[in-house]
C-alpha atoms as a PDB file:
ATOM      1  CA  MET A   1     -41.680 -19.679  19.169  1.00  0.00           C
ATOM      2  CA  GLN A   2     -44.604 -18.269  21.026  1.00  0.00           C
ATOM      3  CA  HIS A   3     -45.981 -20.124  24.022  1.00  0.00           C
ATOM      4  CA  LEU A   4     -49.728 -20.817  23.806  1.00  0.00           C
ATOM      5  CA  SER A   5     -51.957 -20.569  26.838  1.00  0.00           C
ATOM      6  CA  PRO A   6     -53.859 -23.881  26.939  1.00  0.00           C
ATOM      7  CA  THR A   7     -56.852 -22.221  28.607  1.00  0.00           C
ATOM      8  CA  LYS A   8     -57.090 -19.362  26.103  1.00  0.00           C
ATOM      9  CA  THR A   9     -56.541 -21.696  23.166  1.00  0.00           C
ATOM     10  CA  ALA A  10     -59.206 -24.055  24.502  1.00  0.00           C
ATOM     11  CA  LEU A  11     -61.703 -21.222  24.797  1.00  0.00           C
ATOM     12  CA  ALA A  12     -60.844 -19.822  21.363  1.00  0.00           C
ATOM     13  CA  VAL A  13     -61.325 -23.160  19.594  1.00  0.00           C
ATOM     14  CA  GLY A  14     -64.429 -23.932  21.659  1.00  0.00           C
ATOM     15  CA  VAL A  15     -66.031 -20.591  20.798  1.00  0.00           C
ATOM     16  CA  PHE A  16     -65.097 -21.008  17.129  1.00  0.00           C
ATOM     17  CA  LEU A  17     -66.617 -24.485  16.801  1.00  0.00           C
ATOM     18  CA  GLY A  18     -69.587 -23.682  18.996  1.00  0.00           C
ATOM     19  CA  GLY A  19     -70.135 -20.470  17.046  1.00  0.00           C
ATOM     20  CA  TRP A  20     -70.291 -22.321  13.733  1.00  0.00           C
ATOM     21  CA  HIS A  21     -73.002 -24.510  15.200  1.00  0.00           C
ATOM     22  CA  VAL A  22     -74.905 -21.493  16.512  1.00  0.00           C
ATOM     23  CA  ILE A  23     -74.931 -20.228  12.917  1.00  0.00           C
ATOM     24  CA  TRP A  24     -76.124 -23.625  11.676  1.00  0.00           C
ATOM     25  CA  SER A  25     -78.886 -23.670  14.303  1.00  0.00           C
ATOM     26  CA  LEU A  26     -79.990 -20.197  13.210  1.00  0.00           C
ATOM     27  CA  LEU A  27     -80.081 -21.346   9.582  1.00  0.00           C
ATOM     28  CA  VAL A  28     -82.303 -24.271  10.596  1.00  0.00           C
ATOM     29  CA  ALA A  29     -84.555 -22.015  12.687  1.00  0.00           C
ATOM     30  CA  LEU A  30     -84.935 -19.593   9.751  1.00  0.00           C
ATOM     31  CA  ASN A  31     -85.633 -22.475   7.338  1.00  0.00           C
ATOM     32  CA  TRP A  32     -82.582 -21.527   5.248  1.00  0.00           C
ATOM     33  CA  ALA A  33     -80.502 -24.617   6.045  1.00  0.00           C
ATOM     34  CA  GLN A  34     -82.066 -26.896   3.415  1.00  0.00           C
ATOM     35  CA  ALA A  35     -81.387 -24.441   0.585  1.00  0.00           C
ATOM     36  CA  LEU A  36     -77.785 -23.954   1.722  1.00  0.00           C
ATOM     37  CA  TYR A  37     -77.274 -27.699   2.102  1.00  0.00           C
ATOM     38  CA  ASP A  38     -78.764 -28.370  -1.346  1.00  0.00           C
ATOM     39  CA  PHE A  39     -76.532 -25.691  -2.893  1.00  0.00           C
ATOM     40  CA  ILE A  40     -73.381 -27.098  -1.261  1.00  0.00           C
ATOM     41  CA  LEU A  41     -74.173 -30.601  -2.493  1.00  0.00           C
ATOM     42  CA  TRP A  42     -74.984 -29.321  -5.989  1.00  0.00           C
ATOM     43  CA  ALA A  43     -71.728 -27.342  -6.140  1.00  0.00           C
ATOM     44  CA  HIS A  44     -69.800 -30.469  -5.180  1.00  0.00           C
ATOM     45  CA  MET A  45     -71.749 -32.552  -7.720  1.00  0.00           C
ATOM     46  CA  ILE A  46     -73.065 -34.813  -4.954  1.00  0.00           C
ATOM     47  CA  HIS A  47     -76.574 -36.233  -5.159  1.00  0.00           C
ATOM     48  CA  LEU A  48     -78.015 -37.237  -1.797  1.00  0.00           C
ATOM     49  CA  GLN A  49     -81.616 -37.148  -0.717  1.00  0.00           C
ATOM     50  CA  LEU A  50     -81.428 -35.707   2.783  1.00  0.00           C
ATOM     51  CA  THR A  51     -83.923 -33.441   4.469  1.00  0.00           C
ATOM     52  CA  ILE A  52     -83.051 -30.967   7.201  1.00  0.00           C
ATOM     53  CA  GLY A  53     -85.541 -31.476  10.017  1.00  0.00           C
ATOM     54  CA  PRO A  54     -87.461 -28.821  11.895  1.00  0.00           C
ATOM     55  CA  PHE A  55     -85.711 -26.693  14.492  1.00  0.00           C
ATOM     56  CA  GLU A  56     -85.621 -28.145  18.012  1.00  0.00           C
ATOM     57  CA  LEU A  57     -84.265 -25.904  20.762  1.00  0.00           C
ATOM     58  CA  PHE A  58     -83.017 -28.772  22.947  1.00  0.00           C
ATOM     59  CA  ALA A  59     -81.197 -30.414  20.020  1.00  0.00           C
ATOM     60  CA  ALA A  60     -79.667 -27.081  18.979  1.00  0.00           C
ATOM     61  CA  THR A  61     -78.527 -26.333  22.518  1.00  0.00           C
ATOM     62  CA  THR A  62     -77.029 -29.803  22.862  1.00  0.00           C
ATOM     63  CA  LEU A  63     -75.223 -29.404  19.526  1.00  0.00           C
ATOM     64  CA  VAL A  64     -73.703 -26.057  20.493  1.00  0.00           C
ATOM     65  CA  VAL A  65     -72.678 -27.145  23.997  1.00  0.00           C
ATOM     66  CA  VAL A  66     -71.137 -30.443  22.857  1.00  0.00           C
ATOM     67  CA  THR A  67     -69.190 -28.844  19.996  1.00  0.00           C
ATOM     68  CA  PHE A  68     -68.011 -26.081  22.331  1.00  0.00           C
ATOM     69  CA  LEU A  69     -66.732 -28.683  24.820  1.00  0.00           C
ATOM     70  CA  VAL A  70     -65.092 -30.788  22.101  1.00  0.00           C
ATOM     71  CA  GLY A  71     -63.455 -27.633  20.757  1.00  0.00           C
ATOM     72  CA  CYS A  72     -62.172 -26.796  24.231  1.00  0.00           C
ATOM     73  CA  VAL A  73     -60.617 -30.239  24.599  1.00  0.00           C
ATOM     74  CA  MET A  74     -59.081 -30.039  21.119  1.00  0.00           C
ATOM     75  CA  GLY A  75     -57.747 -26.530  21.709  1.00  0.00           C
ATOM     76  CA  TYR A  76     -56.277 -27.434  25.086  1.00  0.00           C
ATOM     77  CA  ALA A  77     -54.608 -30.555  23.664  1.00  0.00           C
ATOM     78  CA  PHE A  78     -53.310 -28.579  20.684  1.00  0.00           C
ATOM     79  CA  ALA A  79     -51.744 -25.945  22.953  1.00  0.00           C
ATOM     80  CA  LEU A  80     -50.077 -28.613  25.103  1.00  0.00           C
ATOM     81  CA  VAL A  81     -48.638 -30.359  22.039  1.00  0.00           C
ATOM     82  CA  TRP A  82     -47.575 -27.016  20.512  1.00  0.00           C
ATOM     83  CA  ASN A  83     -45.829 -25.978  23.710  1.00  0.00           C
ATOM     84  CA  TRP A  84     -44.170 -29.369  24.045  1.00  0.00           C
ATOM     85  CA  PHE A  85     -42.793 -29.219  20.494  1.00  0.00           C
ATOM     86  CA  HIS A  86     -41.605 -25.644  20.977  1.00  0.00           C
ATOM     87  CA  ARG A  87     -40.181 -25.979  24.464  1.00  0.00           C
ATOM     88  CA  THR A  88     -36.837 -24.446  25.145  1.00  0.00           C
ATOM     89  CA  THR A  89     -34.066 -26.570  26.442  1.00  0.00           C
ATOM     90  CA  THR A  90     -31.757 -25.307  29.143  1.00  0.00           C
ATOM     91  CA  ALA A  91     -28.059 -25.944  28.819  1.00  0.00           C
END
């Protein structure tokens, strides 16, 4: 099995999760988030009355940074566990 670099895996997962939240922040900034959210709920036959608030740069930055860091921790931990489960034993 292939060995995973914990650092590269951490960065990959961090960029992926942070990137999703960059997209979400852009949707909020463009005022498209409410329509997307309403569509997703409708498609899942869920009826909730929630309103997406106005775009706030500090909140968006915090969201992206925190999800990037959480993704890094998750990716690093995943790589360590993966490598541990796929370690080779020496005879």
